Amino acid sequence: MAEVLPEGFFDDPVKDAKVRNVEVRNTMEEEWEKFQKEMQTQQQVSENLAEEDDEAAQTERNIDEIDEQIQCFAKVETLWDKKDELKSKAEDRERKQDENELNESGDEAEFDEFLNWRSKGAYK
């Protein structure tokens, strides 16, 4: 009788396999293995995406940090330029002051010469 019945004659796969004297396949285990494999695949995909996101975020942070360093370096350069400018102005001011002092001391010497009555021989 089992040889006459086609495969899948009974709705119950276990009963069908027994009647045909075929080993019963455990579909639950097969489904569980398929599920486990699919979960591993999806886990790997998820890890790859997370790694790519982390790399992108790290790259973005590095770019932001480099931009900040460039801005700070530009600010330092500006401050160095201001320092050099102020230093040159101070040197110019000091040089002019020294020139004025030399001119004033020369004027004072001439004025002292007029006041020095002994050098004129006025006491005779």
PDB file of N, CA and C in Angstrom:
ATOM      1  N   MET A   1       0.813  -1.179   0.000  1.00  0.00           N
ATOM      2  CA  MET A   1       0.000   0.000   0.000  1.00  0.00           C
ATOM      3  C   MET A   1       0.868   1.258   0.000  1.00  0.00           C
ATOM      4  N   ALA A   2       2.003   1.285   0.729  1.00  0.00           N
ATOM      5  CA  ALA A   2       2.859   2.447   0.823  1.00  0.00           C
ATOM      6  C   ALA A   2       3.479   2.767  -0.519  1.00  0.00           C
ATOM      7  N   GLU A   3       3.675   1.724  -1.332  1.00  0.00           N
ATOM      8  CA  GLU A   3       4.292   1.970  -2.615  1.00  0.00           C
ATOM      9  C   GLU A   3       3.316   2.615  -3.579  1.00  0.00           C
ATOM     10  N   VAL A   4       2.072   2.459  -3.331  1.00  0.00           N
ATOM     11  CA  VAL A   4       1.053   2.982  -4.211  1.00  0.00           C
ATOM     12  C   VAL A   4       0.769   4.445  -3.908  1.00  0.00           C
ATOM     13  N   LEU A   5       0.933   4.843  -2.667  1.00  0.00           N
ATOM     14  CA  LEU A   5       0.602   6.215  -2.268  1.00  0.00           C
ATOM     15  C   LEU A   5       1.712   7.171  -2.704  1.00  0.00           C
ATOM     16  N   PRO A   6       1.348   8.303  -3.288  1.00  0.00           N
ATOM     17  CA  PRO A   6       2.363   9.287  -3.672  1.00  0.00           C
ATOM     18  C   PRO A   6       2.864  10.066  -2.455  1.00  0.00           C
ATOM     19  N   GLU A   7       4.000  10.672  -2.634  1.00  0.00           N
ATOM     20  CA  GLU A   7       4.576  11.480  -1.548  1.00  0.00           C
ATOM     21  C   GLU A   7       3.673  12.675  -1.297  1.00  0.00           C
ATOM     22  N   GLY A   8       3.431  12.957  -0.011  1.00  0.00           N
ATOM     23  CA  GLY A   8       2.583  14.080   0.359  1.00  0.00           C
ATOM     24  C   GLY A   8       1.108  13.723   0.347  1.00  0.00           C
ATOM     25  N   PHE A   9       0.787  12.411   0.307  1.00  0.00           N
ATOM     26  CA  PHE A   9      -0.610  11.980   0.296  1.00  0.00           C
ATOM     27  C   PHE A   9      -1.289  12.362   1.593  1.00  0.00           C
ATOM     28  N   PHE A  10      -0.590  12.153   2.707  1.00  0.00           N
ATOM     29  CA  PHE A  10      -1.140  12.530   4.005  1.00  0.00           C
ATOM     30  C   PHE A  10      -0.738  13.964   4.304  1.00  0.00           C
ATOM     31  N   ASP A  11      -1.638  14.686   4.962  1.00  0.00           N
ATOM     32  CA  ASP A  11      -1.350  16.073   5.336  1.00  0.00           C
ATOM     33  C   ASP A  11      -0.253  16.138   6.389  1.00  0.00           C
ATOM     34  N   ASP A  12      -0.183  15.162   7.235  1.00  0.00           N
ATOM     35  CA  ASP A  12       0.822  15.133   8.291  1.00  0.00           C
ATOM     36  C   ASP A  12       2.109  14.555   7.708  1.00  0.00           C
ATOM     37  N   PRO A  13       3.194  15.327   7.654  1.00  0.00           N
ATOM     38  CA  PRO A  13       4.423  14.826   7.054  1.00  0.00           C
ATOM     39  C   PRO A  13       5.012  13.645   7.812  1.00  0.00           C
ATOM     40  N   VAL A  14       4.818  13.561   9.122  1.00  0.00           N
ATOM     41  CA  VAL A  14       5.359  12.455   9.909  1.00  0.00           C
ATOM     42  C   VAL A  14       4.641  11.158   9.518  1.00  0.00           C
ATOM     43  N   LYS A  15       3.327  11.197   9.442  1.00  0.00           N
ATOM     44  CA  LYS A  15       2.529  10.032   9.074  1.00  0.00           C
ATOM     45  C   LYS A  15       2.860   9.603   7.645  1.00  0.00           C
ATOM     46  N   ASP A  16       3.021  10.565   6.759  1.00  0.00           N
ATOM     47  CA  ASP A  16       3.344  10.281   5.364  1.00  0.00           C
ATOM     48  C   ASP A  16       4.681   9.554   5.271  1.00  0.00           C
ATOM     49  N   ALA A  17       5.675  10.020   6.020  1.00  0.00           N
ATOM     50  CA  ALA A  17       6.998   9.399   5.995  1.00  0.00           C
ATOM     51  C   ALA A  17       6.950   7.991   6.577  1.00  0.00           C
ATOM     52  N   LYS A  18       6.151   7.738   7.631  1.00  0.00           N
ATOM     53  CA  LYS A  18       6.039   6.413   8.238  1.00  0.00           C
ATOM     54  C   LYS A  18       5.399   5.425   7.264  1.00  0.00           C
ATOM     55  N   VAL A  19       4.368   5.853   6.560  1.00  0.00           N
ATOM     56  CA  VAL A  19       3.674   4.967   5.631  1.00  0.00           C
ATOM     57  C   VAL A  19       4.603   4.575   4.487  1.00  0.00           C
ATOM     58  N   ARG A  20       5.427   5.484   4.035  1.00  0.00           N
ATOM     59  CA  ARG A  20       6.336   5.202   2.922  1.00  0.00           C
ATOM     60  C   ARG A  20       7.652   4.603   3.402  1.00  0.00           C
ATOM     61  N   ASN A  21       7.818   4.444   4.687  1.00  0.00           N
ATOM     62  CA  ASN A  21       9.039   3.894   5.295  1.00  0.00           C
ATOM     63  C   ASN A  21      10.263   4.749   4.944  1.00  0.00           C
ATOM     64  N   VAL A  22      10.094   6.058   5.087  1.00  0.00           N
ATOM     65  CA  VAL A  22      11.159   7.020   4.833  1.00  0.00           C
ATOM     66  C   VAL A  22      11.478   7.697   6.156  1.00  0.00           C
ATOM     67  N   GLU A  23      12.739   8.089   6.315  1.00  0.00           N
ATOM     68  CA  GLU A  23      13.152   8.770   7.551  1.00  0.00           C
ATOM     69  C   GLU A  23      12.447  10.120   7.650  1.00  0.00           C
ATOM     70  N   VAL A  24      11.962  10.411   8.828  1.00  0.00           N
ATOM     71  CA  VAL A  24      11.254  11.666   9.064  1.00  0.00           C
ATOM     72  C   VAL A  24      12.282  12.783   9.218  1.00  0.00           C
ATOM     73  N   ARG A  25      12.086  13.805   8.431  1.00  0.00           N
ATOM     74  CA  ARG A  25      13.004  14.953   8.527  1.00  0.00           C
ATOM     75  C   ARG A  25      12.456  15.909   9.572  1.00  0.00           C
ATOM     76  N   ASN A  26      13.354  16.353  10.427  1.00  0.00           N
ATOM     77  CA  ASN A  26      12.948  17.300  11.467  1.00  0.00           C
ATOM     78  C   ASN A  26      13.102  18.708  10.895  1.00  0.00           C
ATOM     79  N   THR A  27      12.024  19.266  10.457  1.00  0.00           N
ATOM     80  CA  THR A  27      12.065  20.587   9.832  1.00  0.00           C
ATOM     81  C   THR A  27      12.319  21.687  10.847  1.00  0.00           C
ATOM     82  N   MET A  28      11.979  21.442  12.090  1.00  0.00           N
ATOM     83  CA  MET A  28      12.215  22.459  13.121  1.00  0.00           C
ATOM     84  C   MET A  28      13.715  22.712  13.290  1.00  0.00           C
ATOM     85  N   GLU A  29      14.498  21.649  13.307  1.00  0.00           N
ATOM     86  CA  GLU A  29      15.950  21.819  13.438  1.00  0.00           C
ATOM     87  C   GLU A  29      16.530  22.514  12.213  1.00  0.00           C
ATOM     88  N   GLU A  30      16.030  22.129  11.040  1.00  0.00           N
ATOM     89  CA  GLU A  30      16.502  22.773   9.819  1.00  0.00           C
ATOM     90  C   GLU A  30      16.160  24.259   9.820  1.00  0.00           C
ATOM     91  N   GLU A  31      14.948  24.555  10.222  1.00  0.00           N
ATOM     92  CA  GLU A  31      14.530  25.959  10.292  1.00  0.00           C
ATOM     93  C   GLU A  31      15.367  26.715  11.322  1.00  0.00           C
ATOM     94  N   TRP A  32      15.644  26.063  12.455  1.00  0.00           N
ATOM     95  CA  TRP A  32      16.457  26.697  13.499  1.00  0.00           C
ATOM     96  C   TRP A  32      17.869  26.971  12.985  1.00  0.00           C
ATOM     97  N   GLU A  33      18.461  26.032  12.259  1.00  0.00           N
ATOM     98  CA  GLU A  33      19.795  26.224  11.689  1.00  0.00           C
ATOM     99  C   GLU A  33      19.785  27.347  10.653  1.00  0.00           C
ATOM    100  N   LYS A  34      18.754  27.370   9.812  1.00  0.00           N
ATOM    101  CA  LYS A  34      18.635  28.457   8.836  1.00  0.00           C
ATOM    102  C   LYS A  34      18.518  29.803   9.551  1.00  0.00           C
ATOM    103  N   PHE A  35      17.710  29.797  10.617  1.00  0.00           N
ATOM    104  CA  PHE A  35      17.529  31.027  11.390  1.00  0.00           C
ATOM    105  C   PHE A  35      18.858  31.479  11.995  1.00  0.00           C
ATOM    106  N   GLN A  36      19.605  30.537  12.574  1.00  0.00           N
ATOM    107  CA  GLN A  36      20.895  30.865  13.186  1.00  0.00           C
ATOM    108  C   GLN A  36      21.863  31.424  12.145  1.00  0.00           C
ATOM    109  N   LYS A  37      21.905  30.795  10.964  1.00  0.00           N
ATOM    110  CA  LYS A  37      22.792  31.278   9.903  1.00  0.00           C
ATOM    111  C   LYS A  37      22.396  32.681   9.458  1.00  0.00           C
ATOM    112  N   GLU A  38      21.103  32.899   9.307  1.00  0.00           N
ATOM    113  CA  GLU A  38      20.627  34.224   8.893  1.00  0.00           C
ATOM    114  C   GLU A  38      20.936  35.271   9.967  1.00  0.00           C
ATOM    115  N   MET A  39      20.784  34.894  11.224  1.00  0.00           N
ATOM    116  CA  MET A  39      21.109  35.817  12.324  1.00  0.00           C
ATOM    117  C   MET A  39      22.602  36.155  12.327  1.00  0.00           C
ATOM    118  N   GLN A  40      23.452  35.163  12.080  1.00  0.00           N
ATOM    119  CA  GLN A  40      24.886  35.427  12.018  1.00  0.00           C
ATOM    120  C   GLN A  40      25.211  36.360  10.860  1.00  0.00           C
ATOM    121  N   THR A  41      24.565  36.131   9.734  1.00  0.00           N
ATOM    122  CA  THR A  41      24.788  36.989   8.571  1.00  0.00           C
ATOM    123  C   THR A  41      24.358  38.417   8.876  1.00  0.00           C
ATOM    124  N   GLN A  42      23.181  38.558   9.460  1.00  0.00           N
ATOM    125  CA  GLN A  42      22.674  39.894   9.787  1.00  0.00           C
ATOM    126  C   GLN A  42      23.525  40.560  10.864  1.00  0.00           C
ATOM    127  N   GLN A  43      24.014  39.775  11.815  1.00  0.00           N
ATOM    128  CA  GLN A  43      24.887  40.313  12.858  1.00  0.00           C
ATOM    129  C   GLN A  43      26.175  40.854  12.242  1.00  0.00           C
ATOM    130  N   GLN A  44      26.725  40.106  11.287  1.00  0.00           N
ATOM    131  CA  GLN A  44      27.946  40.543  10.608  1.00  0.00           C
ATOM    132  C   GLN A  44      27.691  41.824   9.823  1.00  0.00           C
ATOM    133  N   VAL A  45      26.558  41.881   9.128  1.00  0.00           N
ATOM    134  CA  VAL A  45      26.203  43.089   8.373  1.00  0.00           C
ATOM    135  C   VAL A  45      26.061  44.271   9.326  1.00  0.00           C
ATOM    136  N   SER A  46      25.405  44.033  10.457  1.00  0.00           N
ATOM    137  CA  SER A  46      25.214  45.093  11.446  1.00  0.00           C
ATOM    138  C   SER A  46      26.552  45.571  12.007  1.00  0.00           C
ATOM    139  N   GLU A  47      27.449  44.639  12.301  1.00  0.00           N
ATOM    140  CA  GLU A  47      28.769  45.013  12.812  1.00  0.00           C
ATOM    141  C   GLU A  47      29.552  45.808  11.779  1.00  0.00           C
ATOM    142  N   ASN A  48      29.454  45.407  10.515  1.00  0.00           N
ATOM    143  CA  ASN A  48      30.148  46.139   9.449  1.00  0.00           C
ATOM    144  C   ASN A  48      29.621  47.564   9.330  1.00  0.00           C
ATOM    145  N   LEU A  49      28.295  47.713   9.393  1.00  0.00           N
ATOM    146  CA  LEU A  49      27.707  49.057   9.314  1.00  0.00           C
ATOM    147  C   LEU A  49      28.124  49.911  10.508  1.00  0.00           C
ATOM    148  N   ALA A  50      28.122  49.300  11.695  1.00  0.00           N
ATOM    149  CA  ALA A  50      28.525  50.040  12.893  1.00  0.00           C
ATOM    150  C   ALA A  50      29.989  50.459  12.794  1.00  0.00           C
ATOM    151  N   GLU A  51      30.827  49.573  12.267  1.00  0.00           N
ATOM    152  CA  GLU A  51      32.248  49.894  12.116  1.00  0.00           C
ATOM    153  C   GLU A  51      32.446  51.037  11.119  1.00  0.00           C
ATOM    154  N   GLU A  52      31.707  50.992  10.016  1.00  0.00           N
ATOM    155  CA  GLU A  52      31.794  52.072   9.027  1.00  0.00           C
ATOM    156  C   GLU A  52      31.328  53.398   9.628  1.00  0.00           C
ATOM    157  N   ASP A  53      30.240  53.346  10.415  1.00  0.00           N
ATOM    158  CA  ASP A  53      29.752  54.565  11.063  1.00  0.00           C
ATOM    159  C   ASP A  53      30.779  55.112  12.047  1.00  0.00           C
ATOM    160  N   ASP A  54      31.419  54.206  12.802  1.00  0.00           N
ATOM    161  CA  ASP A  54      32.446  54.637  13.752  1.00  0.00           C
ATOM    162  C   ASP A  54      33.624  55.281  13.029  1.00  0.00           C
ATOM    163  N   GLU A  55      34.030  54.670  11.916  1.00  0.00           N
ATOM    164  CA  GLU A  55      35.139  55.232  11.148  1.00  0.00           C
ATOM    165  C   GLU A  55      34.772  56.602  10.589  1.00  0.00           C
ATOM    166  N   ALA A  56      33.538  56.729  10.097  1.00  0.00           N
ATOM    167  CA  ALA A  56      33.094  58.018   9.552  1.00  0.00           C
ATOM    168  C   ALA A  56      33.049  59.074  10.651  1.00  0.00           C
ATOM    169  N   ALA A  57      32.553  58.689  11.825  1.00  0.00           N
ATOM    170  CA  ALA A  57      32.490  59.635  12.941  1.00  0.00           C
ATOM    171  C   ALA A  57      33.895  60.034  13.381  1.00  0.00           C
ATOM    172  N   GLN A  58      34.810  59.075  13.436  1.00  0.00           N
ATOM    173  CA  GLN A  58      36.190  59.374  13.827  1.00  0.00           C
ATOM    174  C   GLN A  58      36.844  60.303  12.813  1.00  0.00           C
ATOM    175  N   THR A  59      36.600  60.044  11.536  1.00  0.00           N
ATOM    176  CA  THR A  59      37.152  60.901  10.486  1.00  0.00           C
ATOM    177  C   THR A  59      36.598  62.314  10.616  1.00  0.00           C
ATOM    178  N   GLU A  60      35.305  62.425  10.877  1.00  0.00           N
ATOM    179  CA  GLU A  60      34.676  63.744  11.042  1.00  0.00           C
ATOM    180  C   GLU A  60      35.279  64.478  12.240  1.00  0.00           C
ATOM    181  N   ARG A  61      35.486  63.746  13.352  1.00  0.00           N
ATOM    182  CA  ARG A  61      36.098  64.375  14.533  1.00  0.00           C
ATOM    183  C   ARG A  61      37.517  64.837  14.223  1.00  0.00           C
ATOM    184  N   ASN A  62      38.264  64.013  13.490  1.00  0.00           N
ATOM    185  CA  ASN A  62      39.632  64.396  13.124  1.00  0.00           C
ATOM    186  C   ASN A  62      39.635  65.643  12.244  1.00  0.00           C
ATOM    187  N   ILE A  63      38.717  65.710  11.297  1.00  0.00           N
ATOM    188  CA  ILE A  63      38.631  66.884  10.426  1.00  0.00           C
ATOM    189  C   ILE A  63      38.287  68.121  11.244  1.00  0.00           C
ATOM    190  N   ASP A  64      37.318  67.991  12.161  1.00  0.00           N
ATOM    191  CA  ASP A  64      36.951  69.130  13.008  1.00  0.00           C
ATOM    192  C   ASP A  64      38.131  69.575  13.864  1.00  0.00           C
ATOM    193  N   GLU A  65      38.871  68.619  14.404  1.00  0.00           N
ATOM    194  CA  GLU A  65      40.025  68.950  15.243  1.00  0.00           C
ATOM    195  C   GLU A  65      41.107  69.657  14.430  1.00  0.00           C
ATOM    196  N   ILE A  66      41.338  69.186  13.220  1.00  0.00           N
ATOM    197  CA  ILE A  66      42.341  69.824  12.358  1.00  0.00           C
ATOM    198  C   ILE A  66      41.901  71.236  11.994  1.00  0.00           C
ATOM    199  N   ASP A  67      40.602  71.420  11.699  1.00  0.00           N
ATOM    200  CA  ASP A  67      40.094  72.762  11.402  1.00  0.00           C
ATOM    201  C   ASP A  67      40.300  73.695  12.591  1.00  0.00           C
ATOM    202  N   GLU A  68      40.031  73.187  13.791  1.00  0.00           N
ATOM    203  CA  GLU A  68      40.221  73.998  14.996  1.00  0.00           C
ATOM    204  C   GLU A  68      41.698  74.356  15.178  1.00  0.00           C
ATOM    205  N   GLN A  69      42.585  73.405  14.918  1.00  0.00           N
ATOM    206  CA  GLN A  69      44.015  73.679  15.029  1.00  0.00           C
ATOM    207  C   GLN A  69      44.454  74.722  14.005  1.00  0.00           C
ATOM    208  N   ILE A  70      43.899  74.652  12.805  1.00  0.00           N
ATOM    209  CA  ILE A  70      44.236  75.639  11.775  1.00  0.00           C
ATOM    210  C   ILE A  70      43.787  77.023  12.218  1.00  0.00           C
ATOM    211  N   GLN A  71      42.581  77.117  12.779  1.00  0.00           N
ATOM    212  CA  GLN A  71      42.084  78.410  13.254  1.00  0.00           C
ATOM    213  C   GLN A  71      42.958  78.945  14.388  1.00  0.00           C
ATOM    214  N   CYS A  72      43.336  78.071  15.302  1.00  0.00           N
ATOM    215  CA  CYS A  72      44.197  78.504  16.409  1.00  0.00           C
ATOM    216  C   CYS A  72      45.564  78.941  15.884  1.00  0.00           C
ATOM    217  N   PHE A  73      46.103  78.235  14.915  1.00  0.00           N
ATOM    218  CA  PHE A  73      47.388  78.608  14.342  1.00  0.00           C
ATOM    219  C   PHE A  73      47.288  79.965  13.649  1.00  0.00           C
ATOM    220  N   ALA A  74      46.170  80.204  12.947  1.00  0.00           N
ATOM    221  CA  ALA A  74      45.976  81.500  12.290  1.00  0.00           C
ATOM    222  C   ALA A  74      45.908  82.608  13.340  1.00  0.00           C
ATOM    223  N   LYS A  75      45.246  82.333  14.456  1.00  0.00           N
ATOM    224  CA  LYS A  75      45.156  83.326  15.529  1.00  0.00           C
ATOM    225  C   LYS A  75      46.543  83.608  16.110  1.00  0.00           C
ATOM    226  N   VAL A  76      47.346  82.557  16.279  1.00  0.00           N
ATOM    227  CA  VAL A  76      48.712  82.731  16.792  1.00  0.00           C
ATOM    228  C   VAL A  76      49.531  83.567  15.816  1.00  0.00           C
ATOM    229  N   GLU A  77      49.392  83.284  14.525  1.00  0.00           N
ATOM    230  CA  GLU A  77      50.115  84.059  13.514  1.00  0.00           C
ATOM    231  C   GLU A  77      49.701  85.530  13.567  1.00  0.00           C
ATOM    232  N   THR A  78      48.407  85.785  13.731  1.00  0.00           N
ATOM    233  CA  THR A  78      47.925  87.163  13.834  1.00  0.00           C
ATOM    234  C   THR A  78      48.528  87.845  15.055  1.00  0.00           C
ATOM    235  N   LEU A  79      48.574  87.127  16.168  1.00  0.00           N
ATOM    236  CA  LEU A  79      49.154  87.702  17.385  1.00  0.00           C
ATOM    237  C   LEU A  79      50.651  87.952  17.215  1.00  0.00           C
ATOM    238  N   TRP A  80      51.358  87.063  16.531  1.00  0.00           N
ATOM    239  CA  TRP A  80      52.785  87.290  16.273  1.00  0.00           C
ATOM    240  C   TRP A  80      52.974  88.537  15.415  1.00  0.00           C
ATOM    241  N   ASP A  81      52.119  88.694  14.397  1.00  0.00           N
ATOM    242  CA  ASP A  81      52.209  89.883  13.542  1.00  0.00           C
ATOM    243  C   ASP A  81      51.956  91.152  14.352  1.00  0.00           C
ATOM    244  N   LYS A  82      50.936  91.118  15.234  1.00  0.00           N
ATOM    245  CA  LYS A  82      50.654  92.284  16.078  1.00  0.00           C
ATOM    246  C   LYS A  82      51.834  92.578  16.991  1.00  0.00           C
ATOM    247  N   LYS A  83      52.425  91.515  17.554  1.00  0.00           N
ATOM    248  CA  LYS A  83      53.570  91.695  18.452  1.00  0.00           C
ATOM    249  C   LYS A  83      54.715  92.363  17.701  1.00  0.00           C
ATOM    250  N   ASP A  84      55.003  91.866  16.489  1.00  0.00           N
ATOM    251  CA  ASP A  84      56.084  92.453  15.699  1.00  0.00           C
ATOM    252  C   ASP A  84      55.785  93.908  15.361  1.00  0.00           C
ATOM    253  N   GLU A  85      54.531  94.194  15.029  1.00  0.00           N
ATOM    254  CA  GLU A  85      54.140  95.566  14.700  1.00  0.00           C
ATOM    255  C   GLU A  85      54.300  96.480  15.913  1.00  0.00           C
ATOM    256  N   LEU A  86      53.822  96.030  17.072  1.00  0.00           N
ATOM    257  CA  LEU A  86      53.955  96.839  18.284  1.00  0.00           C
ATOM    258  C   LEU A  86      55.422  97.016  18.670  1.00  0.00           C
ATOM    259  N   LYS A  87      56.209  95.973  18.474  1.00  0.00           N
ATOM    260  CA  LYS A  87      57.632  96.065  18.798  1.00  0.00           C
ATOM    261  C   LYS A  87      58.323  97.084  17.902  1.00  0.00           C
ATOM    262  N   SER A  88      57.996  97.061  16.611  1.00  0.00           N
ATOM    263  CA  SER A  88      58.628  98.028  15.701  1.00  0.00           C
ATOM    264  C   SER A  88      58.163  99.448  16.019  1.00  0.00           C
ATOM    265  N   LYS A  89      56.887  99.607  16.388  1.00  0.00           N
ATOM    266  CA  LYS A  89      56.404 100.940  16.771  1.00  0.00           C
ATOM    267  C   LYS A  89      57.114 101.428  18.029  1.00  0.00           C
ATOM    268  N   ALA A  90      57.304 100.531  18.994  1.00  0.00           N
ATOM    269  CA  ALA A  90      57.988 100.916  20.229  1.00  0.00           C
ATOM    270  C   ALA A  90      59.441 101.289  19.941  1.00  0.00           C
ATOM    271  N   GLU A  91      60.086 100.546  19.050  1.00  0.00           N
ATOM    272  CA  GLU A  91      61.469 100.872  18.691  1.00  0.00           C
ATOM    273  C   GLU A  91      61.536 102.221  17.986  1.00  0.00           C
ATOM    274  N   ASP A  92      60.581 102.493  17.093  1.00  0.00           N
ATOM    275  CA  ASP A  92      60.536 103.795  16.415  1.00  0.00           C
ATOM    276  C   ASP A  92      60.330 104.918  17.429  1.00  0.00           C
ATOM    277  N   ARG A  93      59.401 104.695  18.351  1.00  0.00           N
ATOM    278  CA  ARG A  93      59.118 105.699  19.376  1.00  0.00           C
ATOM    279  C   ARG A  93      60.360 105.945  20.233  1.00  0.00           C
ATOM    280  N   GLU A  94      61.048 104.876  20.610  1.00  0.00           N
ATOM    281  CA  GLU A  94      62.245 105.003  21.440  1.00  0.00           C
ATOM    282  C   GLU A  94      63.354 105.722  20.675  1.00  0.00           C
ATOM    283  N   ARG A  95      63.504 105.391  19.394  1.00  0.00           N
ATOM    284  CA  ARG A  95      64.529 106.045  18.582  1.00  0.00           C
ATOM    285  C   ARG A  95      64.231 107.537  18.454  1.00  0.00           C
ATOM    286  N   LYS A  96      62.964 107.885  18.225  1.00  0.00           N
ATOM    287  CA  LYS A  96      62.591 109.301  18.124  1.00  0.00           C
ATOM    288  C   LYS A  96      62.821 110.014  19.451  1.00  0.00           C
ATOM    289  N   GLN A  97      62.524 109.339  20.539  1.00  0.00           N
ATOM    290  CA  GLN A  97      62.731 109.941  21.854  1.00  0.00           C
ATOM    291  C   GLN A  97      64.222 110.174  22.094  1.00  0.00           C
ATOM    292  N   ASP A  98      65.060 109.208  21.708  1.00  0.00           N
ATOM    293  CA  ASP A  98      66.508 109.385  21.849  1.00  0.00           C
ATOM    294  C   ASP A  98      66.999 110.559  21.009  1.00  0.00           C
ATOM    295  N   GLU A  99      66.468 110.684  19.787  1.00  0.00           N
ATOM    296  CA  GLU A  99      66.848 111.812  18.931  1.00  0.00           C
ATOM    297  C   GLU A  99      66.422 113.131  19.563  1.00  0.00           C
ATOM    298  N   ASN A 100      65.221 113.163  20.119  1.00  0.00           N
ATOM    299  CA  ASN A 100      64.744 114.382  20.777  1.00  0.00           C
ATOM    300  C   ASN A 100      65.608 114.724  21.982  1.00  0.00           C
ATOM    301  N   GLU A 101      66.004 113.712  22.742  1.00  0.00           N
ATOM    302  CA  GLU A 101      66.854 113.965  23.904  1.00  0.00           C
ATOM    303  C   GLU A 101      68.214 114.497  23.469  1.00  0.00           C
ATOM    304  N   LEU A 102      68.751 113.948  22.376  1.00  0.00           N
ATOM    305  CA  LEU A 102      70.028 114.450  21.875  1.00  0.00           C
ATOM    306  C   LEU A 102      69.896 115.905  21.431  1.00  0.00           C
ATOM    307  N   ASN A 103      68.812 116.215  20.739  1.00  0.00           N
ATOM    308  CA  ASN A 103      68.581 117.598  20.304  1.00  0.00           C
ATOM    309  C   ASN A 103      68.403 118.522  21.501  1.00  0.00           C
ATOM    310  N   GLU A 104      67.662 118.071  22.497  1.00  0.00           N
ATOM    311  CA  GLU A 104      67.443 118.902  23.681  1.00  0.00           C
ATOM    312  C   GLU A 104      68.736 119.097  24.458  1.00  0.00           C
ATOM    313  N   SER A 105      69.551 118.052  24.569  1.00  0.00           N
ATOM    314  CA  SER A 105      70.802 118.205  25.321  1.00  0.00           C
ATOM    315  C   SER A 105      71.743 119.151  24.573  1.00  0.00           C
ATOM    316  N   GLY A 106      71.704 119.133  23.249  1.00  0.00           N
ATOM    317  CA  GLY A 106      72.502 120.086  22.475  1.00  0.00           C
ATOM    318  C   GLY A 106      72.012 121.506  22.705  1.00  0.00           C
ATOM    319  N   ASP A 107      70.712 121.711  22.755  1.00  0.00           N
ATOM    320  CA  ASP A 107      70.138 123.029  23.029  1.00  0.00           C
ATOM    321  C   ASP A 107      70.493 123.491  24.433  1.00  0.00           C
ATOM    322  N   GLU A 108      70.462 122.589  25.388  1.00  0.00           N
ATOM    323  CA  GLU A 108      70.803 122.948  26.765  1.00  0.00           C
ATOM    324  C   GLU A 108      72.270 123.353  26.874  1.00  0.00           C
ATOM    325  N   ALA A 109      73.129 122.671  26.138  1.00  0.00           N
ATOM    326  CA  ALA A 109      74.554 123.020  26.178  1.00  0.00           C
ATOM    327  C   ALA A 109      74.758 124.433  25.645  1.00  0.00           C
ATOM    328  N   GLU A 110      74.068 124.777  24.566  1.00  0.00           N
ATOM    329  CA  GLU A 110      74.176 126.135  24.030  1.00  0.00           C
ATOM    330  C   GLU A 110      73.621 127.142  25.029  1.00  0.00           C
ATOM    331  N   PHE A 111      72.513 126.823  25.658  1.00  0.00           N
ATOM    332  CA  PHE A 111      71.919 127.727  26.630  1.00  0.00           C
ATOM    333  C   PHE A 111      72.830 127.885  27.841  1.00  0.00           C
ATOM    334  N   ASP A 112      73.423 126.794  28.308  1.00  0.00           N
ATOM    335  CA  ASP A 112      74.355 126.865  29.434  1.00  0.00           C
ATOM    336  C   ASP A 112      75.576 127.710  29.080  1.00  0.00           C
ATOM    337  N   GLU A 113      75.990 127.662  27.842  1.00  0.00           N
ATOM    338  CA  GLU A 113      77.128 128.453  27.404  1.00  0.00           C
ATOM    339  C   GLU A 113      76.817 129.945  27.526  1.00  0.00           C
ATOM    340  N   PHE A 114      75.603 130.349  27.233  1.00  0.00           N
ATOM    341  CA  PHE A 114      75.224 131.752  27.373  1.00  0.00           C
ATOM    342  C   PHE A 114      75.149 132.162  28.834  1.00  0.00           C
ATOM    343  N   LEU A 115      74.787 131.235  29.699  1.00  0.00           N
ATOM    344  CA  LEU A 115      74.667 131.571  31.112  1.00  0.00           C
ATOM    345  C   LEU A 115      76.001 131.532  31.856  1.00  0.00           C
ATOM    346  N   ASN A 116      76.978 130.889  31.292  1.00  0.00           N
ATOM    347  CA  ASN A 116      78.256 130.760  31.961  1.00  0.00           C
ATOM    348  C   ASN A 116      79.033 132.077  31.813  1.00  0.00           C
ATOM    349  N   TRP A 117      78.993 132.951  32.824  1.00  0.00           N
ATOM    350  CA  TRP A 117      79.610 134.277  32.747  1.00  0.00           C
ATOM    351  C   TRP A 117      81.116 134.212  32.901  1.00  0.00           C
ATOM    352  N   ARG A 118      81.623 133.127  33.474  1.00  0.00           N
ATOM    353  CA  ARG A 118      83.063 133.023  33.620  1.00  0.00           C
ATOM    354  C   ARG A 118      83.738 132.784  32.287  1.00  0.00           C
ATOM    355  N   SER A 119      83.051 132.019  31.410  1.00  0.00           N
ATOM    356  CA  SER A 119      83.679 131.747  30.127  1.00  0.00           C
ATOM    357  C   SER A 119      83.719 132.995  29.263  1.00  0.00           C
ATOM    358  N   LYS A 120      82.901 133.986  29.552  1.00  0.00           N
ATOM    359  CA  LYS A 120      82.878 135.204  28.760  1.00  0.00           C
ATOM    360  C   LYS A 120      83.887 136.235  29.283  1.00  0.00           C
ATOM    361  N   GLY A 121      84.383 136.000  30.428  1.00  0.00           N
ATOM    362  CA  GLY A 121      85.309 136.978  30.998  1.00  0.00           C
ATOM    363  C   GLY A 121      84.581 138.199  31.533  1.00  0.00           C
ATOM    364  N   ALA A 122      83.404 138.048  32.030  1.00  0.00           N
ATOM    365  CA  ALA A 122      82.607 139.161  32.509  1.00  0.00           C
ATOM    366  C   ALA A 122      83.000 139.575  33.922  1.00  0.00           C
ATOM    367  N   TYR A 123      83.778 138.862  34.628  1.00  0.00           N
ATOM    368  CA  TYR A 123      84.135 139.186  36.008  1.00  0.00           C
ATOM    369  C   TYR A 123      85.286 140.173  36.071  1.00  0.00           C
ATOM    370  N   LYS A 124      85.928 140.566  35.044  1.00  0.00           N
ATOM    371  CA  LYS A 124      87.075 141.445  35.075  1.00  0.00           C
ATOM    372  C   LYS A 124      86.688 142.830  35.306  1.00  0.00           C
TER     373      LYS A 124
END
